Amino acid sequence: MRAVVQRVKRAQVTVGDRVTGCIGRGLVVLLGVTVHDTEADARELAERIIRMRIFADAAGKMNLDLAAVGGELLVVSQFTLLADTASGRRPSFSGAAPPDQARGLYQYFLSQCRQGGIKTEQGEFGAMMEVELVNDGPATFILDSRIR
């Protein structure tokens, strides 16, 4: 799994004219699922994101995690994170999981975040979405479940 994690002051995702998820202070997670991913990858990546100490403490140092600041998550599926752009001008998505596998692992990832005690909102899997966010910092991190 590959995730782009952005620290935000607020964010929301909209499908058509319907808001499917909205958060205040927290993290937006753009999540891509590969053909090789398992529930173990989803569980470990969810825990890594929840426990990342990327919020400022009283001294202004990145030292606090989501729970410490009462932060929330907005998780949006995004298979384009897995694009192979090494050759040609058209990206290949052969490394992305097929929709049924990806949907299942996306849902499992969401459940792991919620079990971690974090309010977790979401986009709509497979839909054309508009994601609005106000970056905080900006602070953006790229995580990959295959890179420990």
C-alpha atoms as a PDB file:
ATOM      1  CA  MET A   1       0.000   0.000   0.000  1.00  0.00           C
ATOM      2  CA  ARG A   2       1.120   3.475  -0.724  1.00  0.00           C
ATOM      3  CA  ALA A   3      -0.160   6.496   1.172  1.00  0.00           C
ATOM      4  CA  VAL A   4       0.294  10.213   0.817  1.00  0.00           C
ATOM      5  CA  VAL A   5      -0.406  11.736   4.228  1.00  0.00           C
ATOM      6  CA  GLN A   6      -1.088  15.452   4.547  1.00  0.00           C
ATOM      7  CA  ARG A   7      -1.451  17.287   7.843  1.00  0.00           C
ATOM      8  CA  VAL A   8      -4.491  19.553   7.556  1.00  0.00           C
ATOM      9  CA  LYS A   9      -6.440  22.189   9.436  1.00  0.00           C
ATOM     10  CA  ARG A  10      -9.639  20.920   7.792  1.00  0.00           C
ATOM     11  CA  ALA A  11     -10.689  18.837   4.794  1.00  0.00           C
ATOM     12  CA  GLN A  12     -13.671  17.361   3.036  1.00  0.00           C
ATOM     13  CA  VAL A  13     -14.443  15.073   0.136  1.00  0.00           C
ATOM     14  CA  THR A  14     -17.455  15.514  -2.127  1.00  0.00           C
ATOM     15  CA  VAL A  15     -19.059  13.171  -4.654  1.00  0.00           C
ATOM     16  CA  GLY A  16     -21.375  15.112  -6.940  1.00  0.00           C
ATOM     17  CA  ASP A  17     -23.209  17.464  -4.589  1.00  0.00           C
ATOM     18  CA  ARG A  18     -22.885  15.190  -1.535  1.00  0.00           C
ATOM     19  CA  VAL A  19     -20.187  15.528   1.140  1.00  0.00           C
ATOM     20  CA  THR A  20     -19.068  11.992   2.019  1.00  0.00           C
ATOM     21  CA  GLY A  21     -16.477  12.944   4.625  1.00  0.00           C
ATOM     22  CA  CYS A  22     -15.452  16.045   6.519  1.00  0.00           C
ATOM     23  CA  ILE A  23     -12.823  16.572   9.223  1.00  0.00           C
ATOM     24  CA  GLY A  24     -11.268  19.343  11.262  1.00  0.00           C
ATOM     25  CA  ARG A  25      -7.638  19.166  12.381  1.00  0.00           C
ATOM     26  CA  GLY A  26      -5.995  15.929  11.382  1.00  0.00           C
ATOM     27  CA  LEU A  27      -4.672  14.004   8.411  1.00  0.00           C
ATOM     28  CA  VAL A  28      -5.837  13.395   4.870  1.00  0.00           C
ATOM     29  CA  VAL A  29      -4.678   9.994   3.651  1.00  0.00           C
ATOM     30  CA  LEU A  30      -4.665   9.280  -0.073  1.00  0.00           C
ATOM     31  CA  LEU A  31      -4.436   5.480  -0.238  1.00  0.00           C
ATOM     32  CA  GLY A  32      -3.416   3.216  -3.109  1.00  0.00           C
ATOM     33  CA  VAL A  33      -3.654  -0.586  -2.893  1.00  0.00           C
ATOM     34  CA  THR A  34      -1.253  -2.821  -4.852  1.00  0.00           C
ATOM     35  CA  VAL A  35      -1.828  -6.334  -6.171  1.00  0.00           C
ATOM     36  CA  HIS A  36       0.548  -7.660  -3.487  1.00  0.00           C
ATOM     37  CA  ASP A  37      -1.107  -6.030  -0.463  1.00  0.00           C
ATOM     38  CA  THR A  38      -2.652  -7.992   2.393  1.00  0.00           C
ATOM     39  CA  GLU A  39      -4.605  -7.245   5.544  1.00  0.00           C
ATOM     40  CA  ALA A  40      -1.269  -7.238   7.384  1.00  0.00           C
ATOM     41  CA  ASP A  41      -0.089  -4.365   5.152  1.00  0.00           C
ATOM     42  CA  ALA A  42      -3.296  -2.429   5.832  1.00  0.00           C
ATOM     43  CA  ARG A  43      -3.096  -3.030   9.592  1.00  0.00           C
ATOM     44  CA  GLU A  44       0.564  -1.995   9.854  1.00  0.00           C
ATOM     45  CA  LEU A  45       0.145   1.082   7.657  1.00  0.00           C
ATOM     46  CA  ALA A  46      -2.918   2.234   9.610  1.00  0.00           C
ATOM     47  CA  GLU A  47      -0.985   1.894  12.864  1.00  0.00           C
ATOM     48  CA  ARG A  48       2.027   3.770  11.450  1.00  0.00           C
ATOM     49  CA  ILE A  49      -0.162   6.655  10.309  1.00  0.00           C
ATOM     50  CA  ILE A  50      -2.132   6.867  13.561  1.00  0.00           C
ATOM     51  CA  ARG A  51       1.066   6.874  15.622  1.00  0.00           C
ATOM     52  CA  MET A  52       3.098   9.282  13.461  1.00  0.00           C
ATOM     53  CA  ARG A  53       4.321  12.126  15.661  1.00  0.00           C
ATOM     54  CA  ILE A  54       3.861  14.952  13.190  1.00  0.00           C
ATOM     55  CA  PHE A  55       1.904  17.523  15.206  1.00  0.00           C
ATOM     56  CA  ALA A  56       3.640  20.283  17.135  1.00  0.00           C
ATOM     57  CA  ASP A  57       4.022  20.097  20.906  1.00  0.00           C
ATOM     58  CA  ALA A  58       4.192  23.150  23.201  1.00  0.00           C
ATOM     59  CA  ALA A  59       7.792  23.745  22.093  1.00  0.00           C
ATOM     60  CA  GLY A  60       6.811  23.711  18.412  1.00  0.00           C
ATOM     61  CA  LYS A  61       8.497  20.356  17.699  1.00  0.00           C
ATOM     62  CA  MET A  62       6.799  17.571  15.735  1.00  0.00           C
ATOM     63  CA  ASN A  63       6.247  15.307  18.701  1.00  0.00           C
ATOM     64  CA  LEU A  64       2.513  14.553  18.992  1.00  0.00           C
ATOM     65  CA  ASP A  65       0.338  11.971  17.241  1.00  0.00           C
ATOM     66  CA  LEU A  66      -3.318  12.145  16.181  1.00  0.00           C
ATOM     67  CA  ALA A  67      -4.705  10.985  19.520  1.00  0.00           C
ATOM     68  CA  ALA A  68      -2.642  13.531  21.461  1.00  0.00           C
ATOM     69  CA  VAL A  69      -4.151  16.424  19.478  1.00  0.00           C
ATOM     70  CA  GLY A  70      -7.666  14.995  19.119  1.00  0.00           C
ATOM     71  CA  GLY A  71      -7.093  14.745  15.377  1.00  0.00           C
ATOM     72  CA  GLU A  72      -9.237  13.079  12.757  1.00  0.00           C
ATOM     73  CA  LEU A  73      -8.602  11.149   9.550  1.00  0.00           C
ATOM     74  CA  LEU A  74     -10.051  11.544   6.075  1.00  0.00           C
ATOM     75  CA  VAL A  75      -9.112   8.535   3.936  1.00  0.00           C
ATOM     76  CA  VAL A  76      -9.549   8.672   0.157  1.00  0.00           C
ATOM     77  CA  SER A  77      -8.846   5.763  -2.195  1.00  0.00           C
ATOM     78  CA  GLN A  78      -6.511   6.772  -5.016  1.00  0.00           C
ATOM     79  CA  PHE A  79      -5.203   4.082  -7.352  1.00  0.00           C
ATOM     80  CA  THR A  80      -3.248   6.663  -9.372  1.00  0.00           C
ATOM     81  CA  LEU A  81      -0.631   6.669  -6.588  1.00  0.00           C
ATOM     82  CA  LEU A  82       0.491   3.359  -8.059  1.00  0.00           C
ATOM     83  CA  ALA A  83       1.089   4.663 -11.586  1.00  0.00           C
ATOM     84  CA  ASP A  84       4.204   3.429 -13.334  1.00  0.00           C
ATOM     85  CA  THR A  85       5.501   6.362 -15.360  1.00  0.00           C
ATOM     86  CA  ALA A  86       8.902   4.882 -16.209  1.00  0.00           C
ATOM     87  CA  SER A  87       8.265   4.617 -19.932  1.00  0.00           C
ATOM     88  CA  GLY A  88       6.096   6.329 -22.474  1.00  0.00           C
ATOM     89  CA  ARG A  89       3.693   9.155 -21.813  1.00  0.00           C
ATOM     90  CA  ARG A  90       0.728   7.145 -20.584  1.00  0.00           C
ATOM     91  CA  PRO A  91       0.928   5.783 -17.025  1.00  0.00           C
ATOM     92  CA  SER A  92       0.499   2.072 -16.450  1.00  0.00           C
ATOM     93  CA  PHE A  93      -1.616   0.930 -13.527  1.00  0.00           C
ATOM     94  CA  SER A  94      -0.764  -2.780 -13.734  1.00  0.00           C
ATOM     95  CA  GLY A  95       0.575  -2.702 -10.149  1.00  0.00           C
ATOM     96  CA  ALA A  96      -2.736  -1.502  -8.736  1.00  0.00           C
ATOM     97  CA  ALA A  97      -5.024  -4.082  -7.169  1.00  0.00           C
ATOM     98  CA  PRO A  98      -8.199  -4.984  -9.065  1.00  0.00           C
ATOM     99  CA  PRO A  99     -11.275  -3.138  -7.750  1.00  0.00           C
ATOM    100  CA  ASP A 100     -12.705  -5.952  -5.593  1.00  0.00           C
ATOM    101  CA  GLN A 101      -9.385  -6.592  -3.833  1.00  0.00           C
ATOM    102  CA  ALA A 102      -8.662  -2.876  -3.443  1.00  0.00           C
ATOM    103  CA  ARG A 103     -12.150  -2.120  -2.078  1.00  0.00           C
ATOM    104  CA  GLY A 104     -11.836  -4.865   0.529  1.00  0.00           C
ATOM    105  CA  LEU A 105      -8.416  -3.696   1.725  1.00  0.00           C
ATOM    106  CA  TYR A 106      -9.526  -0.048   1.696  1.00  0.00           C
ATOM    107  CA  GLN A 107     -12.471  -0.970   3.936  1.00  0.00           C
ATOM    108  CA  TYR A 108     -10.170  -3.026   6.176  1.00  0.00           C
ATOM    109  CA  PHE A 109      -7.750  -0.080   6.442  1.00  0.00           C
ATOM    110  CA  LEU A 110     -10.658   2.163   7.500  1.00  0.00           C
ATOM    111  CA  SER A 111     -11.733  -0.359  10.140  1.00  0.00           C
ATOM    112  CA  GLN A 112      -8.194  -0.491  11.543  1.00  0.00           C
ATOM    113  CA  CYS A 113      -8.060   3.298  11.828  1.00  0.00           C
ATOM    114  CA  ARG A 114     -11.404   3.326  13.643  1.00  0.00           C
ATOM    115  CA  GLN A 115     -10.333   0.503  15.950  1.00  0.00           C
ATOM    116  CA  GLY A 116      -7.309   2.651  16.776  1.00  0.00           C
ATOM    117  CA  GLY A 117      -9.715   5.129  18.351  1.00  0.00           C
ATOM    118  CA  ILE A 118      -9.462   7.794  15.658  1.00  0.00           C
ATOM    119  CA  LYS A 119     -12.543   9.433  14.125  1.00  0.00           C
ATOM    120  CA  THR A 120     -12.225   8.362  10.498  1.00  0.00           C
ATOM    121  CA  GLU A 121     -14.168   9.796   7.582  1.00  0.00           C
ATOM    122  CA  GLN A 122     -13.891   8.548   4.016  1.00  0.00           C
ATOM    123  CA  GLY A 123     -14.366   9.176   0.350  1.00  0.00           C
ATOM    124  CA  GLU A 124     -16.393   6.892  -1.902  1.00  0.00           C
ATOM    125  CA  PHE A 125     -14.387   4.053  -3.398  1.00  0.00           C
ATOM    126  CA  GLY A 126     -14.241   4.198  -7.184  1.00  0.00           C
ATOM    127  CA  ALA A 127     -16.106   7.499  -7.471  1.00  0.00           C
ATOM    128  CA  MET A 128     -14.953  10.730  -9.055  1.00  0.00           C
ATOM    129  CA  MET A 129     -14.299  12.877  -5.985  1.00  0.00           C
ATOM    130  CA  GLU A 130     -13.391  16.438  -5.147  1.00  0.00           C
ATOM    131  CA  VAL A 131     -11.032  16.701  -2.186  1.00  0.00           C
ATOM    132  CA  GLU A 132     -10.701  20.084  -0.524  1.00  0.00           C
ATOM    133  CA  LEU A 133      -8.152  20.659   2.184  1.00  0.00           C
ATOM    134  CA  VAL A 134      -6.213  23.329   3.994  1.00  0.00           C
ATOM    135  CA  ASN A 135      -2.648  22.101   4.462  1.00  0.00           C
ATOM    136  CA  ASP A 136      -1.091  22.707   7.849  1.00  0.00           C
ATOM    137  CA  GLY A 137       2.577  23.498   7.382  1.00  0.00           C
ATOM    138  CA  PRO A 138       2.449  22.207   4.715  1.00  0.00           C
ATOM    139  CA  ALA A 139       3.480  18.818   6.045  1.00  0.00           C
ATOM    140  CA  THR A 140       3.219  15.929   3.585  1.00  0.00           C
ATOM    141  CA  PHE A 141       4.600  12.398   3.954  1.00  0.00           C
ATOM    142  CA  ILE A 142       4.775   9.417   1.604  1.00  0.00           C
ATOM    143  CA  LEU A 143       4.535   5.966   3.165  1.00  0.00           C
ATOM    144  CA  ASP A 144       4.761   2.536   1.581  1.00  0.00           C
ATOM    145  CA  SER A 145       3.830  -0.658   3.416  1.00  0.00           C
ATOM    146  CA  ARG A 146       6.641  -2.497   1.625  1.00  0.00           C
ATOM    147  CA  ILE A 147       9.277  -0.088   2.920  1.00  0.00           C
ATOM    148  CA  ARG A 148       9.907  -0.559   6.631  1.00  0.00           C
END
